[in-house]
Amino acid sequence: MSKSIQAIRGMNDILPADIKSWQLVERVFQQLMDNYGYEEIRMPLLEMTSLFKRSIGEVTDIVEKEMYTFDDRNGDSLTLRPEGTASCVRAAMQNGLLHNQVQKLWYAGPMFRHERPQKGRYRQFHQLGVEVFGIASPDIDAELILMTARFWKLLEIQDKVELEINSLGSNQARAAYRDILVDYFKGHEDKLDEDSKRRLTSNPLRILDSKNPDMREIVEAAPKLAEHLDQESEQHFKELCLILDEHGIKYRINPCLVRGLDYYNRTVFEWVTDHLGAQGTVCAGGRYDGLVKQLGGRDTVAVGFAMGIERLISLLDGDFLANSVQLPDAYFIMLSPEAQIHGRRLAESLRDELPALRLHVHAGGGSLKSQMKRADKSQAKLALILGEDEMASSQITIKQLRTGAEQVTIKQSELLAWLQNYANQTNS
């Protein structure tokens, strides 16, 4: 017997029982983006490998270990996108969206990294992302943070996340600090783990983000980036903090927050949680003012963030989901061939008149008992019943499935008005 085909490890199906949570998060996020004046952009899943090598950095873990890269039939090296920022920058450059323009963009979709699958970390994962081009002042950095804070409130997880912020300074200041940091860690090289020794020559700032408890003391004693900021970056960060203070946004300045990608400068931030075990970062972002030029475009300031949908869903409260998921309004039961023909016509006319009506129409026949079971399982609020008696009298029976109200039988011509009145009472 042949072995059944399974999904690739770390790439998961999203089943009907779970999809409503995903739709809820995506729907709330899309409405938030509309309210703030951001426009959606959609980029392809596949990009030229060179895009990520030039943007993320060839000596990062993502490029060295985690990318899904292959040669296509033309011999071109292609990569499934491991993150969205580089793709969004490429799309904006290629389509002329950047020169002398401000762009406020958002996107959603899958990303791919060949990592060891665990809770909150998958090989195909999904992100919501935002990128802003053309605004240099800290008020846009603050807007992104305020926007995410509002998102947490809308999802009712604001008590489960905390904000950490830092400044990496200008590219020039960070390069000078890098040399200071390398000198410091070389003086303590015997205390570094193997991963940090490798990063010492490739990306020493990432040593500050080490999760190895044995290195905590040496990391905490390292020279602080804040003490080596250029004046403009220091002022930028102070103004950002003032805006956050004005809006009552609580934050912690984390001098070891450096982010894992090479293109960041100045503001970096993360929303973190202790509710997800080791995978504690829910949302992360910052400035990347040099990336567009690095990829061959004109000098363009930029800032953005990305958040993992899987981790967000893990934080949602069950009661919040139950109260937010949109369940069917009505389930249409039809008990004879004649009732099925007439009922389908009636259902379509209701959909014409009430576009927002979530109406499930039974298919497959069956007794009243079996159809009522299906109606109850659908979690619909109402059952609309059309049997032989109702057909003979041009009536329809309505049974409220979630309350103790008595069922009523009304004329079919009155059904539209009854449903409109029921909706008004339910929503009031």
Protein backbone atom coordinates (compact mmCIF):
# COMPACT_ATOMS: atom_id res chain seq x y z
CA MET A 1 0.00 0.00 0.00
CA SER A 2 1.44 3.37 -1.00
CA LYS A 3 2.16 5.91 1.72
CA SER A 4 -0.38 8.72 1.95
CA ILE A 5 0.82 12.14 0.88
CA GLN A 6 1.35 14.53 3.80
CA ALA A 7 1.81 18.29 4.00
CA ILE A 8 5.41 19.49 4.11
CA ARG A 9 6.70 19.74 7.68
CA GLY A 10 6.16 23.23 9.03
CA MET A 11 3.61 24.12 6.33
CA ASN A 12 0.15 23.79 7.80
CA ASP A 13 -3.40 23.55 6.50
CA ILE A 14 -5.81 26.16 7.85
CA LEU A 15 -9.03 24.24 8.36
CA PRO A 16 -12.61 25.58 8.36
CA ALA A 17 -12.75 25.34 12.15
CA ASP A 18 -9.82 27.78 12.39
CA ILE A 19 -10.30 30.05 9.40
CA LYS A 20 -12.78 32.39 11.06
CA SER A 21 -10.06 33.50 13.48
CA TRP A 22 -7.81 34.32 10.53
CA GLN A 23 -10.59 36.17 8.72
CA LEU A 24 -11.34 38.17 11.86
CA VAL A 25 -7.72 39.32 12.29
CA GLU A 26 -7.39 40.17 8.59
CA ARG A 27 -10.75 41.99 8.51
CA VAL A 28 -9.92 44.14 11.56
CA PHE A 29 -6.47 44.94 10.14
CA GLN A 30 -7.85 45.90 6.73
CA GLN A 31 -10.40 48.23 8.31
CA LEU A 32 -7.67 49.79 10.45
CA MET A 33 -5.52 50.40 7.35
CA ASP A 34 -8.46 52.05 5.58
CA ASN A 35 -9.08 54.28 8.59
CA TYR A 36 -5.43 55.43 8.66
CA GLY A 37 -5.21 55.98 4.90
CA TYR A 38 -2.95 53.07 3.91
CA GLU A 39 -3.33 51.29 0.56
CA GLU A 40 -2.90 47.58 -0.12
CA ILE A 41 -0.16 46.19 -2.35
CA ARG A 42 0.30 42.55 -3.38
CA MET A 43 3.72 41.19 -4.35
CA PRO A 44 4.64 37.79 -5.86
CA LEU A 45 5.77 34.93 -3.65
CA LEU A 46 8.88 34.36 -5.79
CA GLU A 47 11.65 36.91 -6.26
CA MET A 48 15.16 36.89 -7.65
CA THR A 49 17.51 35.55 -4.96
CA SER A 50 19.78 38.57 -5.34
CA LEU A 51 17.02 40.82 -3.96
CA PHE A 52 17.23 39.21 -0.53
CA LYS A 53 21.01 38.82 -0.55
CA ARG A 54 21.43 42.54 -1.23
CA SER A 55 18.75 43.71 1.22
CA ILE A 56 18.79 41.31 4.16
CA GLY A 57 22.54 40.72 4.06
CA GLU A 58 24.50 37.70 2.82
CA VAL A 59 25.86 36.85 6.27
CA THR A 60 22.49 36.79 8.07
CA ASP A 61 20.92 33.54 9.27
CA ILE A 62 18.02 34.04 6.85
CA VAL A 63 20.20 34.14 3.74
CA GLU A 64 22.80 31.63 4.94
CA LYS A 65 20.48 28.98 6.39
CA GLU A 66 16.78 29.62 5.97
CA MET A 67 15.81 30.65 2.44
CA TYR A 68 14.03 28.35 0.02
CA THR A 69 16.19 28.93 -3.06
CA PHE A 70 16.34 27.03 -6.35
CA ASP A 71 17.27 27.47 -10.01
CA ASP A 72 14.38 27.59 -12.45
CA ARG A 73 14.44 26.15 -15.97
CA ASN A 74 16.15 29.26 -17.31
CA GLY A 75 18.94 28.91 -14.77
CA ASP A 76 17.79 31.93 -12.75
CA SER A 77 18.16 31.67 -8.98
CA LEU A 78 14.75 32.26 -7.38
CA THR A 79 13.70 32.41 -3.74
CA LEU A 80 10.38 32.13 -1.94
CA ARG A 81 10.14 35.41 -0.08
CA PRO A 82 11.34 35.10 3.55
CA GLU A 83 10.01 38.57 4.46
CA GLY A 84 7.95 41.31 2.83
CA THR A 85 9.94 44.54 3.07
CA ALA A 86 12.47 43.79 0.33
CA SER A 87 9.69 42.65 -2.04
CA CYS A 88 7.66 45.79 -1.32
CA VAL A 89 10.71 48.01 -1.95
CA ARG A 90 11.39 46.21 -5.22
CA ALA A 91 7.77 46.59 -6.34
CA ALA A 92 7.68 50.29 -5.42
CA MET A 93 10.95 50.96 -7.27
CA GLN A 94 9.99 48.98 -10.36
CA ASN A 95 6.59 50.64 -10.67
CA GLY A 96 7.69 54.23 -10.11
CA LEU A 97 5.98 54.74 -6.75
CA LEU A 98 8.84 56.42 -4.90
CA HIS A 99 10.31 59.48 -6.65
CA ASN A 100 9.02 62.69 -5.00
CA GLN A 101 6.09 60.76 -3.55
CA VAL A 102 4.80 59.58 -0.19
CA GLN A 103 3.52 56.02 -0.16
CA LYS A 104 1.73 54.36 2.75
CA LEU A 105 1.32 50.69 1.87
CA TRP A 106 0.20 47.46 3.55
CA TYR A 107 0.26 43.82 2.54
CA ALA A 108 -0.66 40.38 3.82
CA GLY A 109 0.45 36.91 2.88
CA PRO A 110 2.72 33.92 3.38
CA MET A 111 6.49 34.03 3.93
CA PHE A 112 8.88 31.08 3.85
CA ARG A 113 11.91 30.14 5.97
CA HIS A 114 13.48 26.70 6.41
CA GLU A 115 13.57 26.68 10.21
CA ARG A 116 12.96 24.01 12.82
CA PRO A 117 9.16 24.03 13.23
CA GLN A 118 7.85 24.76 16.72
CA LYS A 119 4.95 26.62 18.27
CA GLY A 120 4.85 30.11 16.79
CA ARG A 121 7.59 29.36 14.22
CA TYR A 122 6.75 27.65 10.95
CA ARG A 123 8.32 27.14 7.53
CA GLN A 124 5.35 28.78 5.86
CA PHE A 125 4.09 31.57 8.09
CA HIS A 126 1.85 34.54 7.43
CA GLN A 127 2.44 38.20 8.02
CA LEU A 128 0.63 41.52 7.97
CA GLY A 129 3.03 44.27 7.00
CA VAL A 130 3.17 48.05 6.53
CA GLU A 131 5.75 50.14 4.69
CA VAL A 132 5.89 53.95 4.45
CA PHE A 133 8.15 55.73 1.96
CA GLY A 134 9.07 59.40 1.76
CA ILE A 135 8.59 60.67 5.34
CA ALA A 136 11.72 61.30 7.42
CA SER A 137 10.25 62.78 10.61
CA PRO A 138 9.61 60.75 13.78
CA ASP A 139 5.87 61.43 13.71
CA ILE A 140 5.44 58.66 11.11
CA ASP A 141 7.46 56.26 13.30
CA ALA A 142 5.06 57.16 16.09
CA GLU A 143 2.01 56.68 13.85
CA LEU A 144 3.02 53.10 13.12
CA ILE A 145 3.41 52.39 16.84
CA LEU A 146 0.09 54.11 17.67
CA MET A 147 -1.59 52.15 14.89
CA THR A 148 -0.34 48.83 16.23
CA ALA A 149 -1.39 49.82 19.76
CA ARG A 150 -4.91 50.47 18.43
CA PHE A 151 -4.86 47.11 16.67
CA TRP A 152 -4.13 45.35 19.98
CA LYS A 153 -7.10 47.13 21.55
CA LEU A 154 -9.40 46.09 18.71
CA LEU A 155 -8.29 42.48 19.20
CA GLU A 156 -8.48 42.88 23.00
CA ILE A 157 -4.89 41.71 23.54
CA GLN A 158 -3.44 45.03 24.72
CA ASP A 159 -2.70 43.56 28.17
CA LYS A 160 -0.70 40.69 26.64
CA VAL A 161 1.92 42.73 24.74
CA GLU A 162 4.62 45.24 25.69
CA LEU A 163 6.52 47.72 23.55
CA GLU A 164 10.31 47.82 23.38
CA ILE A 165 12.10 50.55 21.40
CA ASN A 166 15.65 51.58 20.58
CA SER A 167 17.63 53.67 18.12
CA LEU A 168 20.40 52.24 15.93
CA GLY A 169 21.54 55.69 14.82
CA SER A 170 22.69 56.57 11.33
CA ASN A 171 24.53 54.09 9.16
CA GLN A 172 27.76 55.99 9.81
CA ALA A 173 27.29 56.08 13.60
CA ARG A 174 26.37 52.41 13.66
CA ALA A 175 29.48 51.52 11.66
CA ALA A 176 31.67 53.36 14.19
CA TYR A 177 29.86 51.67 17.07
CA ARG A 178 30.31 48.31 15.35
CA ASP A 179 34.09 48.72 15.56
CA ILE A 180 33.85 49.57 19.27
CA LEU A 181 31.64 46.54 19.86
CA VAL A 182 33.98 44.19 17.98
CA ASP A 183 36.93 45.38 20.07
CA TYR A 184 34.93 44.79 23.26
CA PHE A 185 33.78 41.28 22.37
CA LYS A 186 37.22 40.27 21.08
CA GLY A 187 38.49 41.06 24.55
CA HIS A 188 36.00 38.50 25.89
CA GLU A 189 36.08 36.03 23.01
CA ASP A 190 36.66 33.08 25.33
CA LYS A 191 33.21 33.72 26.86
CA LEU A 192 31.33 33.85 23.54
CA ASP A 193 29.27 30.90 22.30
CA GLU A 194 29.89 29.55 18.80
CA ASP A 195 27.02 31.51 17.26
CA SER A 196 28.33 34.79 18.70
CA LYS A 197 31.88 34.04 17.56
CA ARG A 198 30.57 33.64 14.03
CA ARG A 199 28.61 36.88 14.29
CA LEU A 200 31.66 38.74 15.59
CA THR A 201 32.99 39.10 12.04
CA SER A 202 29.66 39.25 10.23
CA ASN A 203 26.99 41.01 12.32
CA PRO A 204 28.32 41.84 15.82
CA LEU A 205 25.24 43.88 16.80
CA ARG A 206 23.25 40.64 16.78
CA ILE A 207 25.36 39.38 19.70
CA LEU A 208 23.51 41.94 21.83
CA ASP A 209 20.30 40.06 21.05
CA SER A 210 21.69 36.71 22.23
CA LYS A 211 19.23 34.57 24.21
CA ASN A 212 22.05 32.52 25.78
CA PRO A 213 21.79 33.04 29.58
CA ASP A 214 25.49 32.22 29.97
CA MET A 215 26.31 35.40 28.03
CA ARG A 216 23.92 37.72 29.83
CA GLU A 217 26.60 39.33 32.00
CA ILE A 218 29.01 40.06 29.14
CA VAL A 219 26.20 41.40 26.92
CA GLU A 220 24.84 43.69 29.64
CA ALA A 221 28.33 45.11 30.21
CA ALA A 222 28.91 45.84 26.51
CA PRO A 223 29.20 49.48 25.32
CA LYS A 224 25.74 50.96 24.75
CA LEU A 225 24.72 52.10 21.30
CA ALA A 226 22.79 54.98 22.86
CA GLU A 227 26.11 56.46 24.01
CA HIS A 228 27.40 56.54 20.42
CA LEU A 229 24.41 57.95 18.53
CA ASP A 230 24.85 60.80 16.10
CA GLN A 231 23.11 64.03 17.12
CA GLU A 232 20.32 63.83 14.50
CA SER A 233 19.41 60.27 15.46
CA GLU A 234 19.44 61.18 19.14
CA GLN A 235 17.05 64.06 18.49
CA HIS A 236 14.85 61.86 16.28
CA PHE A 237 14.56 59.30 19.08
CA LYS A 238 13.79 61.93 21.73
CA GLU A 239 10.96 63.34 19.61
CA LEU A 240 9.56 59.85 19.05
CA CYS A 241 9.55 59.19 22.79
CA LEU A 242 7.83 62.55 23.43
CA ILE A 243 5.02 61.67 21.01
CA LEU A 244 4.56 58.26 22.61
CA ASP A 245 4.49 59.89 26.05
CA GLU A 246 1.87 62.39 24.87
CA HIS A 247 -0.39 59.52 23.82
CA GLY A 248 0.15 57.48 26.96
CA ILE A 249 1.94 54.65 25.15
CA LYS A 250 4.00 52.66 27.63
CA TYR A 251 7.37 51.46 26.37
CA ARG A 252 10.74 50.18 27.52
CA ILE A 253 13.98 51.38 25.96
CA ASN A 254 15.91 48.20 25.26
CA PRO A 255 19.54 49.00 24.38
CA CYS A 256 20.04 45.41 23.16
CA LEU A 257 17.21 45.62 20.61
CA VAL A 258 18.97 45.62 17.24
CA ARG A 259 16.69 43.56 14.91
CA GLY A 260 18.02 40.72 12.80
CA LEU A 261 18.16 42.36 9.37
CA ASP A 262 21.02 44.49 8.10
CA TYR A 263 18.96 47.29 6.58
CA TYR A 264 17.62 48.94 9.76
CA ASN A 265 18.75 52.35 11.05
CA ARG A 266 17.48 54.79 13.69
CA THR A 267 14.14 53.66 15.16
CA VAL A 268 13.61 49.97 15.83
CA PHE A 269 10.73 48.55 17.87
CA GLU A 270 9.17 45.27 18.90
CA TRP A 271 5.90 44.35 20.56
CA VAL A 272 6.68 41.32 22.73
CA THR A 273 4.69 38.92 24.90
CA ASP A 274 5.36 36.30 27.56
CA HIS A 275 2.27 34.29 26.54
CA LEU A 276 3.87 32.39 23.65
CA GLY A 277 6.92 30.79 25.23
CA ALA A 278 10.17 31.25 23.33
CA GLN A 279 8.55 32.97 20.33
CA GLY A 280 7.79 36.21 22.13
CA THR A 281 7.94 38.77 19.32
CA VAL A 282 4.47 39.57 17.95
CA CYS A 283 5.29 42.62 15.82
CA ALA A 284 8.62 44.16 14.82
CA GLY A 285 9.81 46.99 12.64
CA GLY A 286 11.73 50.18 12.28
CA ARG A 287 13.46 52.56 9.86
CA TYR A 288 15.44 51.46 6.82
CA ASP A 289 16.33 54.77 5.17
CA GLY A 290 19.18 53.35 3.08
CA LEU A 291 17.54 50.25 1.62
CA VAL A 292 16.07 51.78 -1.54
CA LYS A 293 19.43 53.23 -2.53
CA GLN A 294 21.14 49.97 -1.58
CA LEU A 295 18.89 48.19 -4.11
CA GLY A 296 19.69 50.65 -6.89
CA GLY A 297 17.03 53.33 -6.38
CA ARG A 298 17.23 56.97 -5.33
CA ASP A 299 17.79 57.91 -1.71
CA THR A 300 14.39 57.31 -0.06
CA VAL A 301 13.57 57.35 3.63
CA ALA A 302 11.35 54.50 4.78
CA VAL A 303 9.88 52.84 7.86
CA GLY A 304 7.68 49.79 8.40
CA PHE A 305 6.71 46.77 10.47
CA ALA A 306 5.50 43.20 10.13
CA MET A 307 3.49 40.99 12.47
CA GLY A 308 2.88 37.25 12.45
CA ILE A 309 -0.74 36.20 12.05
CA GLU A 310 -0.22 32.79 13.67
CA ARG A 311 1.17 34.39 16.82
CA LEU A 312 -1.63 36.97 16.94
CA ILE A 313 -4.27 34.26 16.73
CA SER A 314 -2.58 32.38 19.58
CA LEU A 315 -3.08 35.46 21.76
CA LEU A 316 -6.79 35.90 21.03
CA ASP A 317 -9.20 35.16 23.85
CA GLY A 318 -11.84 32.48 23.26
CA ASP A 319 -14.70 34.72 24.42
CA PHE A 320 -13.54 37.52 22.13
CA LEU A 321 -13.52 35.13 19.17
CA ALA A 322 -16.96 33.76 20.05
CA ASN A 323 -18.41 37.27 20.22
CA SER A 324 -16.68 38.49 17.07
CA VAL A 325 -17.09 35.64 14.59
CA GLN A 326 -19.98 36.20 12.20
CA LEU A 327 -22.38 33.26 12.40
CA PRO A 328 -25.25 32.50 9.97
CA ASP A 329 -28.43 34.51 10.43
CA ALA A 330 -30.75 31.83 9.14
CA TYR A 331 -30.84 28.23 7.87
CA PHE A 332 -33.49 27.44 5.22
CA ILE A 333 -35.18 24.03 5.63
CA MET A 334 -37.28 22.68 2.72
CA LEU A 335 -39.26 19.45 3.12
CA SER A 336 -40.57 18.52 -0.35
CA PRO A 337 -39.40 18.75 -3.97
CA GLU A 338 -41.91 21.56 -4.57
CA ALA A 339 -40.70 23.36 -1.44
CA GLN A 340 -37.10 23.07 -2.66
CA ILE A 341 -37.92 24.73 -5.99
CA HIS A 342 -39.94 27.51 -4.39
CA GLY A 343 -37.56 27.87 -1.41
CA ARG A 344 -34.49 28.42 -3.58
CA ARG A 345 -36.31 31.18 -5.47
CA LEU A 346 -37.41 32.76 -2.20
CA ALA A 347 -33.85 32.54 -0.80
CA GLU A 348 -32.39 34.29 -3.84
CA SER A 349 -34.98 37.08 -3.61
CA LEU A 350 -34.07 37.56 0.08
CA ARG A 351 -30.41 37.85 -0.89
CA ASP A 352 -31.34 40.47 -3.47
CA GLU A 353 -33.21 42.54 -0.89
CA LEU A 354 -30.95 41.88 2.10
CA PRO A 355 -27.35 41.68 0.80
CA ALA A 356 -25.94 41.41 4.33
CA LEU A 357 -28.12 38.40 5.21
CA ARG A 358 -26.05 35.31 6.00
CA LEU A 359 -28.46 32.64 4.77
CA HIS A 360 -27.59 28.96 4.49
CA VAL A 361 -29.90 26.93 2.24
CA HIS A 362 -30.13 23.21 2.94
CA ALA A 363 -29.08 20.85 0.18
CA GLY A 364 -29.26 17.07 0.02
CA GLY A 365 -32.83 16.47 1.23
CA GLY A 366 -33.71 14.64 4.43
CA SER A 367 -36.34 14.65 7.16
CA LEU A 368 -37.28 17.63 9.30
CA LYS A 369 -35.30 16.13 12.18
CA SER A 370 -32.12 15.69 10.14
CA GLN A 371 -32.38 19.16 8.61
CA MET A 372 -32.97 20.72 12.03
CA LYS A 373 -29.78 19.02 13.24
CA ARG A 374 -27.88 20.60 10.37
CA ALA A 375 -29.44 23.98 11.17
CA ASP A 376 -28.41 23.71 14.81
CA LYS A 377 -24.88 22.61 13.89
CA SER A 378 -24.50 25.64 11.60
CA GLN A 379 -25.05 27.86 14.69
CA ALA A 380 -27.63 29.89 12.78
CA LYS A 381 -29.92 32.10 14.82
CA LEU A 382 -33.07 31.18 12.89
CA ALA A 383 -34.52 28.21 11.03
CA LEU A 384 -36.84 29.03 8.13
CA ILE A 385 -39.09 26.02 7.54
CA LEU A 386 -40.98 25.42 4.31
CA GLY A 387 -43.01 22.20 4.34
CA GLU A 388 -46.16 20.95 2.62
CA ASP A 389 -48.50 22.83 4.98
CA GLU A 390 -46.58 26.07 4.47
CA MET A 391 -46.58 25.59 0.71
CA ALA A 392 -50.33 25.01 0.68
CA SER A 393 -51.02 28.20 2.66
CA SER A 394 -48.22 30.39 1.17
CA GLN A 395 -46.73 30.70 4.64
CA ILE A 396 -43.36 30.01 6.26
CA THR A 397 -42.46 28.93 9.79
CA ILE A 398 -39.67 30.70 11.71
CA LYS A 399 -38.01 29.03 14.69
CA GLN A 400 -35.50 30.92 16.83
CA LEU A 401 -32.72 28.43 17.58
CA ARG A 402 -30.71 30.36 20.19
CA THR A 403 -33.56 31.67 22.39
CA GLY A 404 -36.66 30.23 24.03
CA ALA A 405 -39.02 32.26 21.85
CA GLU A 406 -41.98 30.40 20.37
CA GLN A 407 -41.87 29.64 16.68
CA VAL A 408 -44.16 31.71 14.47
CA THR A 409 -45.82 31.11 11.11
CA ILE A 410 -46.27 34.11 8.85
CA LYS A 411 -47.16 34.81 5.23
CA GLN A 412 -44.25 34.42 2.84
CA SER A 413 -44.92 37.93 1.58
CA GLU A 414 -44.22 39.22 5.12
CA LEU A 415 -40.89 37.39 5.54
CA LEU A 416 -38.71 40.23 4.24
CA ALA A 417 -40.21 42.75 6.66
CA TRP A 418 -40.01 40.24 9.55
CA LEU A 419 -36.30 39.64 8.93
CA GLN A 420 -35.61 43.38 8.65
CA ASN A 421 -37.40 44.02 11.97
CA TYR A 422 -35.56 41.09 13.61
CA ALA A 423 -32.21 42.47 12.44
CA ASN A 424 -33.04 45.92 13.80
CA GLN A 425 -34.02 44.51 17.21
CA THR A 426 -30.93 42.28 17.36
CA ASN A 427 -28.54 45.11 16.50
CA SER A 428 -30.12 47.73 18.75
